[in-house]
Amino acid sequence: MGKVDVVTKEYMQNNTVFADACNYFIYGGQQVIQPEKLHEMDPEEILSLFDQENQKAVEKARDLLKMTTMMSDDKAAYLILGIENESKIRYAEPVKNGLYDFLRYAAQVRQTEKRHRNEKDWKGHNSGEFLSGFYKEDKLIPVITLVILYGSEKWDGPRTLQEMMTIQDPAIQKYVADYQINLIEPAAMDEEDLAKFQSDLGSVLGFIKYSKDEEALNNFLSNDPSLKRLDREAAQVIRVCTNTKIEIVCK
C-alpha cells in the first residue's frame, strides 16, 4: 500500500469526514447521515465459486466500508456505504466498484440463505424460494460506493460500465446491464460545492483542486480560514497528495 493510500484511508476512517463525504454526494450537504451512527464493516469481499471438483474463492478488499441506520418511510433502515480513495484515474473503475457492490449483495443473499436453513422456516414457501434460499419477502440492504479522486486532473475515464463496451449501439446497450460510479472530483467542483462540506474535507479537496494554479491557490488560501489550522490527518492528505511545501499548522 502506497503512502497516498495510507494517509487517505486513515483520514476517511474518521466518521465525521466519512459522513460528510456521503452527505455531500447523496444529500447535497444536508446532515442526514450521522457520524455516531456509522459502524465499521469488514471491507473484504469474498465470493466462493463452485465447480464439480473445486471450490474457488474470489477475494477483494475495499478501502472503507461502514453501515448506518437511518429513517426511511418512518421506519429504521440500514444502508451500507463504501469509499474508494483514488490518487489517479482508474479506467476500469466501473468494473472494480461494480464487483465490490455485487460481492456484498451476494454475501447478503448467502447470509439470508443461512438464516433460513438455521431457522428451518421454509413451511409455506414455494419450491423456487426453497431452492434459492431467498424468499419472496426477503430484501437486500442498499450498497452505495463513493469514489474520491485526490488529484487535480479532470476525470476522463468511463463513469459507467456501458461506456467501456466495444459496441455503442443503443439497440444492444438497452439489454446490457449498466453500473455507474459515484464520483467526487475536485476539478469539477466550484466554490458552492466546496461550501457544502461541514468538515475540513472541503478544504482538502479545494486545496487539491487549485494545487497546480499558484494564483488560484493563493486566493483559495486567503478565503478559507480553516486551512490555517487543520487536523493532522487532513494536513497529511494535502502534503502527500499535492507534494506541497506549504507549512500547515495542525490542530
C-alpha atoms as a PDB file:
ATOM      1  CA  MET A   1       0.000   0.000   0.000  1.00  0.00           C
ATOM      2  CA  GLY A   2       1.466   3.353  -1.071  1.00  0.00           C
ATOM      3  CA  LYS A   3       1.749   6.458   1.090  1.00  0.00           C
ATOM      4  CA  VAL A   4      -1.215   8.154  -0.587  1.00  0.00           C
ATOM      5  CA  ASP A   5      -3.356   5.082   0.072  1.00  0.00           C
ATOM      6  CA  VAL A   6      -2.339   5.041   3.733  1.00  0.00           C
ATOM      7  CA  VAL A   7      -2.988   8.719   4.505  1.00  0.00           C
ATOM      8  CA  THR A   8      -6.282   8.938   2.592  1.00  0.00           C
ATOM      9  CA  LYS A   9      -7.589   5.769   4.226  1.00  0.00           C
ATOM     10  CA  GLU A  10      -6.582   6.996   7.682  1.00  0.00           C
ATOM     11  CA  TYR A  11      -8.274  10.325   7.002  1.00  0.00           C
ATOM     12  CA  MET A  12     -11.526   8.870   5.673  1.00  0.00           C
ATOM     13  CA  GLN A  13     -11.799   6.386   8.546  1.00  0.00           C
ATOM     14  CA  ASN A  14     -12.879   9.327  10.705  1.00  0.00           C
ATOM     15  CA  ASN A  15     -16.663   9.006  10.941  1.00  0.00           C
ATOM     16  CA  THR A  16     -17.154  12.780  10.771  1.00  0.00           C
ATOM     17  CA  VAL A  17     -15.281  13.035   7.478  1.00  0.00           C
ATOM     18  CA  PHE A  18     -16.818   9.818   6.096  1.00  0.00           C
ATOM     19  CA  ALA A  19     -20.346  11.041   6.871  1.00  0.00           C
ATOM     20  CA  ASP A  20     -19.530  14.465   5.418  1.00  0.00           C
ATOM     21  CA  ALA A  21     -18.495  12.935   2.076  1.00  0.00           C
ATOM     22  CA  CYS A  22     -21.657  10.829   1.916  1.00  0.00           C
ATOM     23  CA  ASN A  23     -23.937  13.701   2.932  1.00  0.00           C
ATOM     24  CA  TYR A  24     -22.356  15.931   0.290  1.00  0.00           C
ATOM     25  CA  PHE A  25     -22.829  13.433  -2.516  1.00  0.00           C
ATOM     26  CA  ILE A  26     -26.172  11.888  -1.570  1.00  0.00           C
ATOM     27  CA  TYR A  27     -27.966  14.760   0.170  1.00  0.00           C
ATOM     28  CA  GLY A  28     -26.286  17.876  -1.243  1.00  0.00           C
ATOM     29  CA  GLY A  29     -24.650  18.690   2.093  1.00  0.00           C
ATOM     30  CA  GLN A  30     -27.657  18.147   4.367  1.00  0.00           C
ATOM     31  CA  GLN A  31     -26.604  16.392   7.562  1.00  0.00           C
ATOM     32  CA  VAL A  32     -28.729  13.252   7.201  1.00  0.00           C
ATOM     33  CA  ILE A  33     -26.129  10.547   7.842  1.00  0.00           C
ATOM     34  CA  GLN A  34     -24.898  10.939  11.423  1.00  0.00           C
ATOM     35  CA  PRO A  35     -21.254  10.122  12.282  1.00  0.00           C
ATOM     36  CA  GLU A  36     -22.198   8.452  15.557  1.00  0.00           C
ATOM     37  CA  LYS A  37     -24.445   6.013  13.679  1.00  0.00           C
ATOM     38  CA  LEU A  38     -21.697   4.766  11.378  1.00  0.00           C
ATOM     39  CA  HIS A  39     -20.239   1.361  12.201  1.00  0.00           C
ATOM     40  CA  GLU A  40     -17.149  -0.239  10.678  1.00  0.00           C
ATOM     41  CA  MET A  41     -17.630  -3.294   8.483  1.00  0.00           C
ATOM     42  CA  ASP A  42     -15.064  -5.754   7.190  1.00  0.00           C
ATOM     43  CA  PRO A  43     -14.094  -4.278   3.788  1.00  0.00           C
ATOM     44  CA  GLU A  44     -13.056  -7.657   2.386  1.00  0.00           C
ATOM     45  CA  GLU A  45     -15.498  -9.024  -0.174  1.00  0.00           C
ATOM     46  CA  ILE A  46     -15.417 -12.799  -0.672  1.00  0.00           C
ATOM     47  CA  LEU A  47     -17.336 -14.980  -3.113  1.00  0.00           C
ATOM     48  CA  SER A  48     -16.923 -18.739  -3.314  1.00  0.00           C
ATOM     49  CA  LEU A  49     -17.178 -20.159  -6.822  1.00  0.00           C
ATOM     50  CA  PHE A  50     -18.026 -23.839  -7.155  1.00  0.00           C
ATOM     51  CA  ASP A  51     -17.474 -26.340  -9.926  1.00  0.00           C
ATOM     52  CA  GLN A  52     -17.725 -30.119  -9.831  1.00  0.00           C
ATOM     53  CA  GLU A  53     -14.248 -30.676  -8.420  1.00  0.00           C
ATOM     54  CA  ASN A  54     -13.014 -27.458  -6.889  1.00  0.00           C
ATOM     55  CA  GLN A  55     -14.127 -24.565  -4.763  1.00  0.00           C
ATOM     56  CA  LYS A  56     -12.511 -21.241  -5.632  1.00  0.00           C
ATOM     57  CA  ALA A  57     -12.757 -18.039  -3.660  1.00  0.00           C
ATOM     58  CA  VAL A  58     -12.656 -14.525  -5.061  1.00  0.00           C
ATOM     59  CA  GLU A  59     -11.385 -12.021  -2.502  1.00  0.00           C
ATOM     60  CA  LYS A  60     -11.409  -8.258  -2.992  1.00  0.00           C
ATOM     61  CA  ALA A  61     -10.648  -5.621  -0.355  1.00  0.00           C
ATOM     62  CA  ARG A  62     -12.303  -2.216  -0.466  1.00  0.00           C
ATOM     63  CA  ASP A  63     -10.722   0.835   1.116  1.00  0.00           C
ATOM     64  CA  LEU A  64     -13.534   1.527   3.598  1.00  0.00           C
ATOM     65  CA  LEU A  65     -16.953   0.086   4.357  1.00  0.00           C
ATOM     66  CA  LYS A  66     -19.423   1.226   7.014  1.00  0.00           C
ATOM     67  CA  MET A  67     -23.045   0.580   7.901  1.00  0.00           C
ATOM     68  CA  THR A  68     -25.508   3.140   9.163  1.00  0.00           C
ATOM     69  CA  THR A  69     -29.114   3.243  10.318  1.00  0.00           C
ATOM     70  CA  MET A  70     -31.446   5.972   9.160  1.00  0.00           C
ATOM     71  CA  MET A  71     -35.151   6.696   8.885  1.00  0.00           C
ATOM     72  CA  SER A  72     -36.969   5.676   5.699  1.00  0.00           C
ATOM     73  CA  ASP A  73     -40.770   5.949   5.478  1.00  0.00           C
ATOM     74  CA  ASP A  74     -40.853   6.492   9.258  1.00  0.00           C
ATOM     75  CA  LYS A  75     -39.016   3.214   9.816  1.00  0.00           C
ATOM     76  CA  ALA A  76     -35.403   2.497  10.762  1.00  0.00           C
ATOM     77  CA  ALA A  77     -33.496   1.247   7.731  1.00  0.00           C
ATOM     78  CA  TYR A  78     -29.950   0.075   7.113  1.00  0.00           C
ATOM     79  CA  LEU A  79     -27.570   1.418   4.484  1.00  0.00           C
ATOM     80  CA  ILE A  80     -24.074   0.165   3.575  1.00  0.00           C
ATOM     81  CA  LEU A  81     -21.605   2.839   2.452  1.00  0.00           C
ATOM     82  CA  GLY A  82     -18.244   2.249   0.826  1.00  0.00           C
ATOM     83  CA  ILE A  83     -15.497   4.695  -0.126  1.00  0.00           C
ATOM     84  CA  GLU A  84     -12.721   4.120  -2.647  1.00  0.00           C
ATOM     85  CA  ASN A  85      -9.822   6.589  -2.465  1.00  0.00           C
ATOM     86  CA  GLU A  86      -8.085   7.107  -5.799  1.00  0.00           C
ATOM     87  CA  SER A  87      -4.915   9.155  -6.339  1.00  0.00           C
ATOM     88  CA  LYS A  88      -5.040   8.511 -10.099  1.00  0.00           C
ATOM     89  CA  ILE A  89      -7.803   7.974 -12.627  1.00  0.00           C
ATOM     90  CA  ARG A  90      -8.647   4.292 -12.918  1.00  0.00           C
ATOM     91  CA  TYR A  91     -10.069   3.490 -16.322  1.00  0.00           C
ATOM     92  CA  ALA A  92     -11.742   0.271 -15.160  1.00  0.00           C
ATOM     93  CA  GLU A  93     -13.404   1.862 -12.108  1.00  0.00           C
ATOM     94  CA  PRO A  94     -16.969   0.830 -13.079  1.00  0.00           C
ATOM     95  CA  VAL A  95     -15.919  -2.836 -13.184  1.00  0.00           C
ATOM     96  CA  LYS A  96     -13.913  -2.577  -9.961  1.00  0.00           C
ATOM     97  CA  ASN A  97     -16.679  -0.957  -7.936  1.00  0.00           C
ATOM     98  CA  GLY A  98     -19.438  -2.994  -9.535  1.00  0.00           C
ATOM     99  CA  LEU A  99     -17.624  -6.158  -8.463  1.00  0.00           C
ATOM    100  CA  TYR A 100     -17.328  -4.869  -4.881  1.00  0.00           C
ATOM    101  CA  ASP A 101     -21.014  -3.995  -4.680  1.00  0.00           C
ATOM    102  CA  PHE A 102     -22.291  -7.244  -6.164  1.00  0.00           C
ATOM    103  CA  LEU A 103     -19.997  -9.323  -3.970  1.00  0.00           C
ATOM    104  CA  ARG A 104     -21.572  -7.521  -0.999  1.00  0.00           C
ATOM    105  CA  TYR A 105     -25.067  -8.273  -2.336  1.00  0.00           C
ATOM    106  CA  ALA A 106     -24.062 -11.907  -2.892  1.00  0.00           C
ATOM    107  CA  ALA A 107     -22.867 -12.058   0.733  1.00  0.00           C
ATOM    108  CA  GLN A 108     -26.257 -10.768   1.888  1.00  0.00           C
ATOM    109  CA  VAL A 109     -28.020 -13.481  -0.126  1.00  0.00           C
ATOM    110  CA  ARG A 110     -25.774 -16.144   1.439  1.00  0.00           C
ATOM    111  CA  GLN A 111     -26.469 -14.801   4.925  1.00  0.00           C
ATOM    112  CA  THR A 112     -30.205 -14.897   4.234  1.00  0.00           C
ATOM    113  CA  GLU A 113     -29.977 -18.474   2.951  1.00  0.00           C
ATOM    114  CA  LYS A 114     -28.059 -19.491   6.075  1.00  0.00           C
ATOM    115  CA  ARG A 115     -30.612 -17.847   8.364  1.00  0.00           C
ATOM    116  CA  HIS A 116     -33.466 -19.717   6.689  1.00  0.00           C
ATOM    117  CA  ARG A 117     -31.595 -23.028   6.992  1.00  0.00           C
ATOM    118  CA  ASN A 118     -30.905 -22.457  10.674  1.00  0.00           C
ATOM    119  CA  GLU A 119     -34.471 -21.409  11.414  1.00  0.00           C
ATOM    120  CA  LYS A 120     -35.981 -24.117   9.154  1.00  0.00           C
ATOM    121  CA  ASP A 121     -38.749 -21.698   8.276  1.00  0.00           C
ATOM    122  CA  TRP A 122     -39.450 -22.965   4.765  1.00  0.00           C
ATOM    123  CA  LYS A 123     -43.035 -24.065   5.555  1.00  0.00           C
ATOM    124  CA  GLY A 124     -45.483 -22.166   3.367  1.00  0.00           C
ATOM    125  CA  HIS A 125     -42.883 -21.175   0.783  1.00  0.00           C
ATOM    126  CA  ASN A 126     -42.829 -22.412  -2.795  1.00  0.00           C
ATOM    127  CA  SER A 127     -40.181 -24.628  -4.384  1.00  0.00           C
ATOM    128  CA  GLY A 128     -38.410 -21.701  -6.041  1.00  0.00           C
ATOM    129  CA  GLU A 129     -37.987 -19.978  -2.674  1.00  0.00           C
ATOM    130  CA  PHE A 130     -36.861 -23.211  -1.049  1.00  0.00           C
ATOM    131  CA  LEU A 131     -34.274 -23.979  -3.747  1.00  0.00           C
ATOM    132  CA  SER A 132     -32.843 -20.456  -3.857  1.00  0.00           C
ATOM    133  CA  GLY A 133     -32.921 -19.964  -0.102  1.00  0.00           C
ATOM    134  CA  PHE A 134     -34.076 -16.398  -0.734  1.00  0.00           C
ATOM    135  CA  TYR A 135     -37.768 -15.827  -0.144  1.00  0.00           C
ATOM    136  CA  LYS A 136     -40.147 -13.501  -1.932  1.00  0.00           C
ATOM    137  CA  GLU A 137     -40.355 -11.133   1.044  1.00  0.00           C
ATOM    138  CA  ASP A 138     -36.574 -11.035   1.632  1.00  0.00           C
ATOM    139  CA  LYS A 139     -34.853  -7.742   0.845  1.00  0.00           C
ATOM    140  CA  LEU A 140     -31.276  -6.547   0.384  1.00  0.00           C
ATOM    141  CA  ILE A 141     -29.590  -3.680   2.215  1.00  0.00           C
ATOM    142  CA  PRO A 142     -28.611  -0.997  -0.348  1.00  0.00           C
ATOM    143  CA  VAL A 143     -24.895  -0.535  -1.017  1.00  0.00           C
ATOM    144  CA  ILE A 144     -23.546   2.842  -2.185  1.00  0.00           C
ATOM    145  CA  THR A 145     -19.883   3.242  -3.089  1.00  0.00           C
ATOM    146  CA  LEU A 146     -18.289   6.678  -3.476  1.00  0.00           C
ATOM    147  CA  VAL A 147     -15.063   7.264  -5.380  1.00  0.00           C
ATOM    148  CA  ILE A 148     -12.960  10.217  -4.163  1.00  0.00           C
ATOM    149  CA  LEU A 149     -10.255  11.414  -6.547  1.00  0.00           C
ATOM    150  CA  TYR A 150      -7.324  13.010  -4.718  1.00  0.00           C
ATOM    151  CA  GLY A 151      -5.889  14.645  -7.816  1.00  0.00           C
ATOM    152  CA  SER A 152      -6.412  17.970  -9.582  1.00  0.00           C
ATOM    153  CA  GLU A 153      -6.924  16.491 -13.049  1.00  0.00           C
ATOM    154  CA  LYS A 154     -10.349  16.082 -14.629  1.00  0.00           C
ATOM    155  CA  TRP A 155     -11.716  12.553 -14.662  1.00  0.00           C
ATOM    156  CA  ASP A 156     -11.503  11.481 -18.294  1.00  0.00           C
ATOM    157  CA  GLY A 157     -12.214   7.807 -17.682  1.00  0.00           C
ATOM    158  CA  PRO A 158     -15.525   5.983 -18.080  1.00  0.00           C
ATOM    159  CA  ARG A 159     -18.178   6.643 -15.455  1.00  0.00           C
ATOM    160  CA  THR A 160     -20.450   3.782 -16.474  1.00  0.00           C
ATOM    161  CA  LEU A 161     -19.961   0.171 -17.446  1.00  0.00           C
ATOM    162  CA  GLN A 162     -21.612   0.740 -20.811  1.00  0.00           C
ATOM    163  CA  GLU A 163     -19.018   3.389 -21.706  1.00  0.00           C
ATOM    164  CA  MET A 164     -16.407   0.628 -21.526  1.00  0.00           C
ATOM    165  CA  MET A 165     -18.163  -1.568 -24.100  1.00  0.00           C
ATOM    166  CA  THR A 166     -16.877  -2.070 -27.652  1.00  0.00           C
ATOM    167  CA  ILE A 167     -20.397  -1.671 -29.033  1.00  0.00           C
ATOM    168  CA  GLN A 168     -22.250   1.612 -28.520  1.00  0.00           C
ATOM    169  CA  ASP A 169     -25.360   0.610 -30.467  1.00  0.00           C
ATOM    170  CA  PRO A 170     -28.421   1.737 -28.407  1.00  0.00           C
ATOM    171  CA  ALA A 171     -30.311  -1.384 -29.517  1.00  0.00           C
ATOM    172  CA  ILE A 172     -27.618  -3.509 -27.864  1.00  0.00           C
ATOM    173  CA  GLN A 173     -26.966  -1.223 -24.888  1.00  0.00           C
ATOM    174  CA  LYS A 174     -30.537  -1.349 -23.626  1.00  0.00           C
ATOM    175  CA  TYR A 175     -30.051  -5.062 -22.939  1.00  0.00           C
ATOM    176  CA  VAL A 176     -26.612  -4.705 -21.330  1.00  0.00           C
ATOM    177  CA  ALA A 177     -26.744  -4.195 -17.568  1.00  0.00           C
ATOM    178  CA  ASP A 178     -25.096  -0.916 -16.568  1.00  0.00           C
ATOM    179  CA  TYR A 179     -23.239   0.297 -13.499  1.00  0.00           C
ATOM    180  CA  GLN A 180     -22.451   3.928 -12.686  1.00  0.00           C
ATOM    181  CA  ILE A 181     -19.671   5.141 -10.404  1.00  0.00           C
ATOM    182  CA  ASN A 182     -20.399   7.848  -7.819  1.00  0.00           C
ATOM    183  CA  LEU A 183     -17.513  10.273  -8.205  1.00  0.00           C
ATOM    184  CA  ILE A 184     -16.284  13.149  -6.024  1.00  0.00           C
ATOM    185  CA  GLU A 185     -13.895  15.006  -8.310  1.00  0.00           C
ATOM    186  CA  PRO A 186     -12.167  18.216  -7.105  1.00  0.00           C
ATOM    187  CA  ALA A 187     -11.627  19.567 -10.638  1.00  0.00           C
ATOM    188  CA  ALA A 188     -15.378  19.565 -11.273  1.00  0.00           C
ATOM    189  CA  MET A 189     -16.296  21.335  -8.019  1.00  0.00           C
ATOM    190  CA  ASP A 190     -16.943  25.062  -7.640  1.00  0.00           C
ATOM    191  CA  GLU A 191     -16.960  27.266  -4.532  1.00  0.00           C
ATOM    192  CA  GLU A 192     -20.612  26.455  -3.869  1.00  0.00           C
ATOM    193  CA  ASP A 193     -19.854  22.739  -3.897  1.00  0.00           C
ATOM    194  CA  LEU A 194     -16.894  23.103  -1.538  1.00  0.00           C
ATOM    195  CA  ALA A 195     -19.007  25.135   0.881  1.00  0.00           C
ATOM    196  CA  LYS A 196     -21.422  22.223   1.317  1.00  0.00           C
ATOM    197  CA  PHE A 197     -18.899  20.241   3.370  1.00  0.00           C
ATOM    198  CA  GLN A 198     -19.131  20.551   7.142  1.00  0.00           C
ATOM    199  CA  SER A 199     -15.733  19.007   7.917  1.00  0.00           C
ATOM    200  CA  ASP A 200     -12.291  20.022   6.647  1.00  0.00           C
ATOM    201  CA  LEU A 201     -12.797  17.684   3.670  1.00  0.00           C
ATOM    202  CA  GLY A 202     -13.964  20.723   1.692  1.00  0.00           C
ATOM    203  CA  SER A 203     -10.669  22.494   2.438  1.00  0.00           C
ATOM    204  CA  VAL A 204      -8.668  19.397   1.473  1.00  0.00           C
ATOM    205  CA  LEU A 205     -10.476  18.972  -1.853  1.00  0.00           C
ATOM    206  CA  GLY A 206     -10.291  22.701  -2.574  1.00  0.00           C
ATOM    207  CA  PHE A 207      -6.531  22.736  -1.972  1.00  0.00           C
ATOM    208  CA  ILE A 208      -6.133  19.759  -4.305  1.00  0.00           C
ATOM    209  CA  LYS A 209      -8.326  21.442  -6.942  1.00  0.00           C
ATOM    210  CA  TYR A 210      -6.153  24.565  -7.082  1.00  0.00           C
ATOM    211  CA  SER A 211      -2.793  22.931  -6.339  1.00  0.00           C
ATOM    212  CA  LYS A 212      -1.494  23.329  -9.931  1.00  0.00           C
ATOM    213  CA  ASP A 213      -2.559  27.009 -10.218  1.00  0.00           C
ATOM    214  CA  GLU A 214      -0.499  29.246  -7.910  1.00  0.00           C
ATOM    215  CA  GLU A 215      -2.707  32.322  -8.231  1.00  0.00           C
ATOM    216  CA  ALA A 216      -5.955  30.408  -7.732  1.00  0.00           C
ATOM    217  CA  LEU A 217      -4.432  28.537  -4.796  1.00  0.00           C
ATOM    218  CA  ASN A 218      -3.348  31.757  -3.089  1.00  0.00           C
ATOM    219  CA  ASN A 219      -6.863  33.163  -3.488  1.00  0.00           C
ATOM    220  CA  PHE A 220      -8.313  29.999  -2.051  1.00  0.00           C
ATOM    221  CA  LEU A 221      -5.909  30.049   0.901  1.00  0.00           C
ATOM    222  CA  SER A 222      -6.775  33.660   1.710  1.00  0.00           C
ATOM    223  CA  ASN A 223     -10.521  32.968   1.582  1.00  0.00           C
ATOM    224  CA  ASP A 224     -10.556  29.736   3.590  1.00  0.00           C
ATOM    225  CA  PRO A 225      -9.551  30.478   7.198  1.00  0.00           C
ATOM    226  CA  SER A 226      -9.980  26.834   8.228  1.00  0.00           C
ATOM    227  CA  LEU A 227      -6.822  25.981   6.263  1.00  0.00           C
ATOM    228  CA  LYS A 228      -4.767  27.828   8.858  1.00  0.00           C
ATOM    229  CA  ARG A 229      -5.401  25.038  11.357  1.00  0.00           C
ATOM    230  CA  LEU A 230      -6.165  21.512  10.191  1.00  0.00           C
ATOM    231  CA  ASP A 231      -6.336  18.132  11.849  1.00  0.00           C
ATOM    232  CA  ARG A 232      -3.122  16.178  11.361  1.00  0.00           C
ATOM    233  CA  GLU A 233      -4.775  13.629   9.042  1.00  0.00           C
ATOM    234  CA  ALA A 234      -6.197  16.349   6.773  1.00  0.00           C
ATOM    235  CA  ALA A 235      -2.843  18.131   6.584  1.00  0.00           C
ATOM    236  CA  GLN A 236      -1.125  14.859   5.728  1.00  0.00           C
ATOM    237  CA  VAL A 237      -3.525  14.243   2.841  1.00  0.00           C
ATOM    238  CA  ILE A 238      -2.742  17.687   1.403  1.00  0.00           C
ATOM    239  CA  ARG A 239       1.029  17.257   1.790  1.00  0.00           C
ATOM    240  CA  VAL A 240       1.170  13.786   0.289  1.00  0.00           C
ATOM    241  CA  CYS A 241      -1.403  14.206  -2.496  1.00  0.00           C
ATOM    242  CA  THR A 242      -0.127  17.581  -3.731  1.00  0.00           C
ATOM    243  CA  ASN A 243       3.537  17.262  -2.724  1.00  0.00           C
ATOM    244  CA  THR A 244       3.210  20.757  -1.286  1.00  0.00           C
ATOM    245  CA  LYS A 245       5.958  22.568   0.573  1.00  0.00           C
ATOM    246  CA  ILE A 246       3.477  24.890   2.313  1.00  0.00           C
ATOM    247  CA  GLU A 247       3.651  24.616   6.089  1.00  0.00           C
ATOM    248  CA  ILE A 248       0.290  23.731   7.621  1.00  0.00           C
ATOM    249  CA  VAL A 249      -0.262  24.181  11.342  1.00  0.00           C
ATOM    250  CA  CYS A 250      -2.304  21.261  12.642  1.00  0.00           C
ATOM    251  CA  LYS A 251      -4.878  21.428  15.411  1.00  0.00           C
END
